[in-house]
Amino acid sequence: MNSLLPRLALASALLVLTLLVGCAGPAAPKARANDDLDPLVLTPGDVLKISFPGSPNLDNSQAIRRDGRLNLEIIGEVKAAGLTPSDFEKELLKLYSPHLVTKDVKVSVVTSTFSVFVTGAVLKPGKLQLDRTVTAFEAVMEAGGFDVQRANMKEISIIRNVDGVSKTYKINLKAVMDGKATEQFRLQAFDTVYVPEKFQWF
């Protein structure tokens, strides 16, 4: 009988541990380099150069309107915002294909309006209006850097709207500050970088 007691105690402990783990809510996903998808997503205000190597008379440069569209010769209205340049090239190639001898379309971004938000324990929280894509670390530096007395650099949240759904990633920028090699998380337009405060005992 005595030999069963340690086994019963161990089984009870394992059961309690399993219940505790099962009750825990789902954690936000840890960010990986590939989680940022293609960082260069076209947004309203971006100026595009569209080139047709086999039909230069169709070449065009214009800004994406606020409704996310362009008005192009032959095909008329076409949506560009929300696509990557490579995806937009494929869409244009499909639409222009009946009119092209050389099946080739090139889309390049001449200027880009890139807005992100940085909030929390940074020195200059607010909206950043940039002319290029940036990493989360670069965005924090553009916002004046961390408030080192308050910032929890290990639990940075990146909040992103994906098809109308808010998605949150967790990244550790303390490793970057310490000079350790780490994969950089590249932001997309309109991402929010939230730097939480350290938990303090009073």
Protein backbone atom coordinates (compact mmCIF):
# COMPACT_ATOMS: atom_id res chain seq x y z
CA MET A 1 0.00 0.00 0.00
CA ASN A 2 2.79 2.40 0.93
CA SER A 3 4.44 1.85 -2.49
CA LEU A 4 1.31 3.18 -4.20
CA LEU A 5 1.35 6.54 -2.39
CA PRO A 6 4.24 8.09 -4.34
CA ARG A 7 2.65 6.98 -7.61
CA LEU A 8 -0.72 8.45 -6.67
CA ALA A 9 0.94 11.72 -5.63
CA LEU A 10 2.79 11.91 -8.95
CA ALA A 11 -0.39 11.18 -10.93
CA SER A 12 -2.28 13.90 -9.02
CA ALA A 13 0.48 16.44 -9.68
CA LEU A 14 0.48 15.63 -13.40
CA LEU A 15 -3.31 16.01 -13.54
CA VAL A 16 -3.19 19.44 -11.87
CA LEU A 17 -0.41 20.57 -14.25
CA THR A 18 -2.40 19.40 -17.27
CA LEU A 19 -5.50 21.30 -16.11
CA LEU A 20 -3.49 24.48 -15.51
CA VAL A 21 -1.90 24.34 -18.96
CA GLY A 22 -5.25 23.62 -20.59
CA CYS A 23 -6.86 26.65 -18.90
CA ALA A 24 -4.23 29.07 -20.14
CA GLY A 25 -5.39 31.31 -22.98
CA PRO A 26 -3.69 31.21 -26.37
CA ALA A 27 -0.52 33.29 -26.46
CA ALA A 28 0.18 35.78 -29.23
CA PRO A 29 2.39 34.19 -31.88
CA LYS A 30 6.09 34.86 -31.68
CA ALA A 31 7.16 36.81 -34.74
CA ARG A 32 9.39 35.17 -37.29
CA ALA A 33 11.09 36.73 -40.29
CA ASN A 34 8.53 35.24 -42.68
CA ASP A 35 5.54 36.42 -40.65
CA ASP A 36 5.75 39.89 -42.14
CA LEU A 37 4.86 38.50 -45.59
CA ASP A 38 5.92 40.83 -48.39
CA PRO A 39 6.73 44.13 -46.61
CA LEU A 40 6.20 46.27 -49.72
CA VAL A 41 2.42 46.41 -50.00
CA LEU A 42 1.04 49.16 -52.23
CA THR A 43 -0.99 51.84 -50.46
CA PRO A 44 -2.90 54.99 -51.54
CA GLY A 45 -0.46 57.79 -52.28
CA ASP A 46 2.26 55.53 -53.68
CA VAL A 47 3.52 56.71 -57.08
CA LEU A 48 4.02 53.81 -59.49
CA LYS A 49 5.89 53.52 -62.75
CA ILE A 50 4.31 50.91 -65.01
CA SER A 51 6.44 49.83 -67.96
CA PHE A 52 5.61 47.64 -70.95
CA PRO A 53 8.95 46.60 -72.54
CA GLY A 54 7.23 45.46 -75.75
CA SER A 55 4.75 48.34 -75.92
CA PRO A 56 6.38 51.52 -74.55
CA ASN A 57 3.41 53.61 -75.74
CA LEU A 58 1.50 52.14 -72.76
CA ASP A 59 4.10 53.20 -70.17
CA ASN A 60 2.51 55.14 -67.34
CA SER A 61 3.39 56.85 -64.05
CA GLN A 62 0.74 57.91 -61.56
CA ALA A 63 -0.21 57.91 -57.89
CA ILE A 64 -2.62 55.41 -56.39
CA ARG A 65 -5.81 57.29 -55.53
CA ARG A 66 -7.44 57.31 -52.09
CA ASP A 67 -9.85 54.61 -53.26
CA GLY A 68 -6.82 52.40 -53.98
CA ARG A 69 -7.24 52.47 -57.76
CA LEU A 70 -5.50 53.65 -60.92
CA ASN A 71 -7.03 54.61 -64.26
CA LEU A 72 -4.98 53.00 -67.02
CA GLU A 73 -5.18 53.15 -70.79
CA ILE A 74 -7.22 50.39 -72.46
CA ILE A 75 -8.25 48.57 -69.27
CA GLY A 76 -9.53 51.57 -67.30
CA GLU A 77 -10.00 51.30 -63.52
CA VAL A 78 -7.87 48.75 -61.68
CA LYS A 79 -7.22 48.25 -57.97
CA ALA A 80 -3.58 48.43 -56.85
CA ALA A 81 -3.71 49.10 -53.09
CA GLY A 82 -3.29 46.01 -50.95
CA LEU A 83 -1.22 44.18 -53.55
CA THR A 84 2.54 43.75 -53.68
CA PRO A 85 4.26 45.11 -56.82
CA SER A 86 4.82 41.55 -58.07
CA ASP A 87 1.13 40.66 -57.55
CA PHE A 88 0.08 43.85 -59.33
CA GLU A 89 2.36 42.96 -62.24
CA LYS A 90 0.60 39.60 -62.55
CA GLU A 91 -2.82 41.26 -62.45
CA LEU A 92 -1.83 43.77 -65.15
CA LEU A 93 -0.33 41.05 -67.31
CA LYS A 94 -3.61 39.14 -67.14
CA LEU A 95 -5.68 42.22 -68.02
CA TYR A 96 -3.36 43.47 -70.78
CA SER A 97 -2.44 40.08 -72.22
CA PRO A 98 -4.81 40.28 -75.26
CA HIS A 99 -3.22 43.61 -76.23
CA LEU A 100 0.47 42.72 -75.81
CA VAL A 101 2.90 41.14 -78.25
CA THR A 102 5.57 40.82 -75.55
CA LYS A 103 3.96 39.41 -72.41
CA ASP A 104 5.87 41.53 -69.95
CA VAL A 105 4.85 44.22 -67.45
CA LYS A 106 7.09 45.91 -64.88
CA VAL A 107 5.80 47.78 -61.80
CA SER A 108 8.18 49.87 -59.72
CA VAL A 109 7.49 52.19 -56.80
CA VAL A 110 8.79 55.70 -57.48
CA THR A 111 7.79 57.15 -54.10
CA SER A 112 5.99 55.52 -51.21
CA THR A 113 3.90 56.90 -48.39
CA PHE A 114 4.60 54.57 -45.47
CA SER A 115 2.78 55.25 -42.21
CA VAL A 116 3.15 53.31 -38.96
CA PHE A 117 2.25 54.06 -35.34
CA VAL A 118 4.51 53.71 -32.31
CA THR A 119 3.01 53.91 -28.83
CA GLY A 120 3.80 53.00 -25.24
CA ALA A 121 7.14 53.44 -23.48
CA VAL A 122 8.99 55.40 -26.19
CA LEU A 123 10.17 59.00 -26.05
CA LYS A 124 8.09 60.34 -28.98
CA PRO A 125 4.98 58.19 -29.44
CA GLY A 126 2.76 58.87 -32.42
CA LYS A 127 2.39 58.42 -36.16
CA LEU A 128 5.49 58.07 -38.34
CA GLN A 129 5.25 59.22 -41.95
CA LEU A 130 8.14 57.59 -43.81
CA ASP A 131 9.31 57.25 -47.40
CA ARG A 132 10.49 53.66 -47.04
CA THR A 133 9.71 50.41 -45.26
CA VAL A 134 11.29 49.97 -41.84
CA THR A 135 11.83 47.27 -39.23
CA ALA A 136 10.15 47.42 -35.83
CA PHE A 137 13.46 48.42 -34.25
CA GLU A 138 13.96 51.24 -36.77
CA ALA A 139 10.42 52.51 -36.08
CA VAL A 140 11.14 52.68 -32.34
CA MET A 141 14.35 54.60 -33.04
CA GLU A 142 12.40 57.01 -35.31
CA ALA A 143 10.05 57.54 -32.35
CA GLY A 144 12.94 58.78 -30.20
CA GLY A 145 14.00 55.39 -28.88
CA PHE A 146 12.93 53.46 -25.80
CA ASP A 147 12.12 55.11 -22.50
CA VAL A 148 14.74 52.87 -20.90
CA GLN A 149 13.44 53.36 -17.34
CA ARG A 150 9.97 52.11 -18.27
CA ALA A 151 10.18 50.01 -21.45
CA ASN A 152 9.85 46.24 -21.46
CA MET A 153 11.91 45.59 -24.60
CA LYS A 154 11.35 41.83 -24.50
CA GLU A 155 7.57 41.91 -25.04
CA ILE A 156 6.99 44.30 -27.95
CA SER A 157 3.62 43.87 -29.69
CA ILE A 158 3.13 44.44 -33.42
CA ILE A 159 -0.56 44.96 -34.17
CA ARG A 160 -1.57 44.46 -37.81
CA ASN A 161 -4.89 44.53 -39.63
CA VAL A 162 -5.17 41.52 -41.92
CA ASP A 163 -8.36 41.51 -44.03
CA GLY A 164 -10.27 43.34 -41.33
CA VAL A 165 -8.95 41.16 -38.50
CA SER A 166 -6.48 42.45 -35.92
CA LYS A 167 -3.44 40.19 -35.62
CA THR A 168 -0.78 40.60 -32.92
CA TYR A 169 2.84 39.43 -33.01
CA LYS A 170 5.28 39.41 -30.08
CA ILE A 171 8.92 40.28 -30.64
CA ASN A 172 11.99 40.75 -28.42
CA LEU A 173 13.95 43.90 -29.19
CA LYS A 174 16.14 43.60 -26.09
CA ALA A 175 18.30 41.15 -28.07
CA VAL A 176 18.77 43.78 -30.78
CA MET A 177 19.69 46.42 -28.19
CA ASP A 178 22.24 43.99 -26.72
CA GLY A 179 23.88 43.60 -30.13
CA LYS A 180 22.88 39.96 -30.55
CA ALA A 181 22.23 38.61 -34.03
CA THR A 182 18.49 38.25 -34.54
CA GLU A 183 15.99 38.25 -37.38
CA GLN A 184 14.43 41.67 -37.93
CA PHE A 185 10.65 42.07 -38.12
CA ARG A 186 9.79 44.30 -41.08
CA LEU A 187 6.66 46.38 -40.72
CA GLN A 188 3.81 46.87 -43.15
CA ALA A 189 1.99 50.16 -43.69
CA PHE A 190 -0.36 51.11 -40.82
CA ASP A 191 1.14 48.61 -38.35
CA THR A 192 1.16 49.68 -34.69
CA VAL A 193 4.23 49.04 -32.55
CA TYR A 194 3.36 48.91 -28.84
CA VAL A 195 6.14 49.03 -26.24
CA PRO A 196 4.73 47.96 -22.85
CA GLU A 197 6.03 49.12 -19.51
CA LYS A 198 8.02 46.91 -17.16
CA PHE A 199 6.13 45.33 -14.29
CA GLN A 200 7.27 47.01 -11.13
CA TRP A 201 6.85 46.00 -7.47
CA PHE A 202 5.90 48.85 -5.17
